[in-house]
Protein backbone atom coordinates (compact mmCIF):
# COMPACT_ATOMS: atom_id res chain seq x y z
CA MET A 1 18.35 74.84 67.85
CA TYR A 2 14.56 74.56 67.69
CA LYS A 3 13.14 71.02 67.83
CA HIS A 4 9.57 69.83 67.77
CA ASP A 5 8.07 66.47 68.79
CA ALA A 6 5.05 65.02 67.02
CA VAL A 7 3.36 62.05 68.69
CA ILE A 8 2.14 59.15 66.57
CA ARG A 9 0.34 56.00 67.66
CA PRO A 10 1.10 53.48 64.89
CA ARG A 11 -1.95 51.83 63.37
CA TYR A 12 -2.29 48.14 62.59
CA GLU A 13 -2.43 48.89 58.86
CA GLU A 14 1.10 50.33 59.09
CA THR A 15 2.60 46.99 60.13
CA ASP A 16 4.14 44.33 57.92
CA GLN A 17 3.85 40.55 58.21
CA MET A 18 6.49 40.55 60.95
CA GLY A 19 4.34 42.79 63.15
CA VAL A 20 6.61 45.82 62.87
CA ILE A 21 6.01 49.13 61.16
CA TYR A 22 6.64 48.84 57.42
CA HIS A 23 9.76 50.84 56.48
CA GLY A 24 7.99 53.03 53.91
CA ASN A 25 5.75 54.52 56.59
CA TYR A 26 8.67 56.33 58.16
CA TYR A 27 8.63 58.80 55.26
CA THR A 28 4.98 59.56 55.96
CA TRP A 29 5.93 60.11 59.59
CA PHE A 30 8.69 62.50 58.50
CA GLU A 31 6.05 64.51 56.66
CA VAL A 32 3.94 64.59 59.83
CA GLY A 33 7.05 65.80 61.67
CA ARG A 34 7.66 68.62 59.16
CA SER A 35 4.03 69.69 59.08
CA THR A 36 3.70 69.87 62.86
CA PHE A 37 7.14 71.51 63.10
CA PHE A 38 5.94 74.42 60.95
CA ARG A 39 2.55 74.50 62.65
CA SER A 40 4.26 74.82 66.05
CA LEU A 41 5.90 77.97 64.69
CA GLY A 42 2.59 79.43 63.54
CA TYR A 43 3.09 78.52 59.87
CA THR A 44 1.41 75.76 57.89
CA TYR A 45 2.17 74.05 54.61
CA LYS A 46 -1.20 75.31 53.39
CA ARG A 47 -0.11 78.87 54.09
CA LEU A 48 3.26 78.32 52.38
CA GLU A 49 1.53 77.03 49.28
CA ALA A 50 -0.93 79.96 49.36
CA GLU A 51 2.15 82.21 49.28
CA GLY A 52 3.42 80.31 46.24
CA ILE A 53 6.14 78.38 48.10
CA ILE A 54 6.49 74.66 47.49
CA LEU A 55 9.05 72.45 49.26
CA PRO A 56 9.58 69.30 47.17
CA VAL A 57 11.82 66.58 48.56
CA VAL A 58 15.02 66.35 46.50
CA GLU A 59 16.85 63.78 48.68
CA SER A 60 15.85 61.52 51.57
CA GLY A 61 17.21 58.78 53.74
CA CYS A 62 16.39 56.68 56.77
CA ARG A 63 18.48 54.46 59.04
CA HIS A 64 16.43 51.89 60.94
CA ILE A 65 17.86 50.98 64.35
CA LYS A 66 15.09 49.21 66.28
CA PRO A 67 11.59 48.25 65.17
CA ALA A 68 8.60 50.46 65.87
CA LEU A 69 5.58 48.37 66.83
CA TYR A 70 1.83 48.60 66.45
CA ASP A 71 0.10 50.80 69.06
CA GLU A 72 3.42 51.75 70.70
CA GLU A 73 3.49 55.56 70.68
CA VAL A 74 6.46 57.16 68.96
CA LEU A 75 7.86 60.68 68.86
CA ILE A 76 8.99 62.19 65.61
CA ARG A 77 11.56 64.74 66.76
CA THR A 78 12.19 67.21 63.93
CA HIS A 79 14.69 70.00 63.47
CA VAL A 80 16.34 71.92 60.67
CA ALA A 81 19.89 70.67 60.16
CA SER A 82 20.83 73.32 57.61
CA GLN A 83 19.38 76.00 55.39
CA LYS A 84 21.57 77.30 52.59
CA GLY A 85 20.38 79.19 49.57
CA VAL A 86 17.27 77.54 48.19
CA ARG A 87 17.74 74.31 50.16
CA ILE A 88 16.61 73.29 53.62
CA GLU A 89 17.48 69.99 55.31
CA PHE A 90 15.35 68.43 58.04
CA LYS A 91 16.58 65.72 60.39
CA TYR A 92 14.29 63.35 62.25
CA GLU A 93 14.64 61.05 65.21
CA VAL A 94 11.97 58.41 65.65
CA LEU A 95 11.84 57.61 69.37
CA ARG A 96 9.72 55.21 71.39
CA LYS A 97 7.74 57.63 73.56
CA GLU A 98 7.83 55.45 76.67
CA ASP A 99 11.61 55.53 77.12
CA GLU A 100 12.84 57.70 74.20
CA ALA A 101 14.80 54.77 72.76
CA LEU A 102 16.06 55.67 69.30
CA LEU A 103 14.24 53.61 66.67
CA ALA A 104 15.29 55.39 63.47
CA GLU A 105 17.05 58.47 62.13
CA GLY A 106 16.12 60.21 58.92
CA ARG A 107 16.67 63.23 56.77
CA THR A 108 14.97 65.02 53.93
CA LEU A 109 16.42 67.74 51.73
CA HIS A 110 14.00 70.20 50.14
CA ALA A 111 14.23 73.06 47.69
CA PHE A 112 12.22 76.26 47.90
CA VAL A 113 10.44 76.49 44.55
CA GLY A 114 7.52 78.39 43.11
CA ARG A 115 4.45 76.93 41.43
CA ASP A 116 6.46 76.86 38.20
CA LEU A 117 8.95 74.56 40.01
CA LYS A 118 11.75 77.08 39.57
CA PRO A 119 13.97 77.83 42.59
CA LEU A 120 12.96 80.71 44.86
CA ARG A 121 15.68 82.77 46.45
CA ILE A 122 15.25 83.41 50.15
CA ARG A 123 14.69 87.12 49.54
CA ALA A 124 11.67 86.14 47.39
CA LEU A 125 10.00 84.54 50.42
CA SER A 126 7.66 86.56 52.59
CA GLU A 127 9.25 88.60 55.35
CA GLU A 128 7.24 86.69 57.94
CA PHE A 129 8.45 83.31 56.67
CA ARG A 130 12.05 84.55 56.55
CA ALA A 131 11.61 85.49 60.22
CA VAL A 132 10.47 81.91 60.94
CA LEU A 133 13.59 80.59 59.21
CA GLU A 134 15.75 82.82 61.42
CA ARG A 135 14.03 81.48 64.56
CA ILE A 136 14.76 77.83 63.74
CA LYS A 137 18.48 78.13 63.11
């Protein structure tokens, strides 16, 4: 299974009044994880969209285990949990970089759709992108 780690250094503006990272920011971090995941495979979201492929989030979730703190580097470890039909599910682990302590776990479910927001079958995707999907299983 292919996994990719993105490194983030949380900014002060991402903290709440308790000095920990505000829970809503984890979803932004998941997006960073997905974007760098594809980039590490030689594919970008920009390229997907240029090919007419859009990946809207249709479900998401996050379980917070330990707080992430300002200026404490974290890893967003991303992998594809499943890909069936027009859906692809990503899983994320948010880890403190220093000791890889698990801070949070998340998931997002996406659908392959065209610009018209109608589902795209896998065979409608470019051959090169289908090859990327095979590599990440």
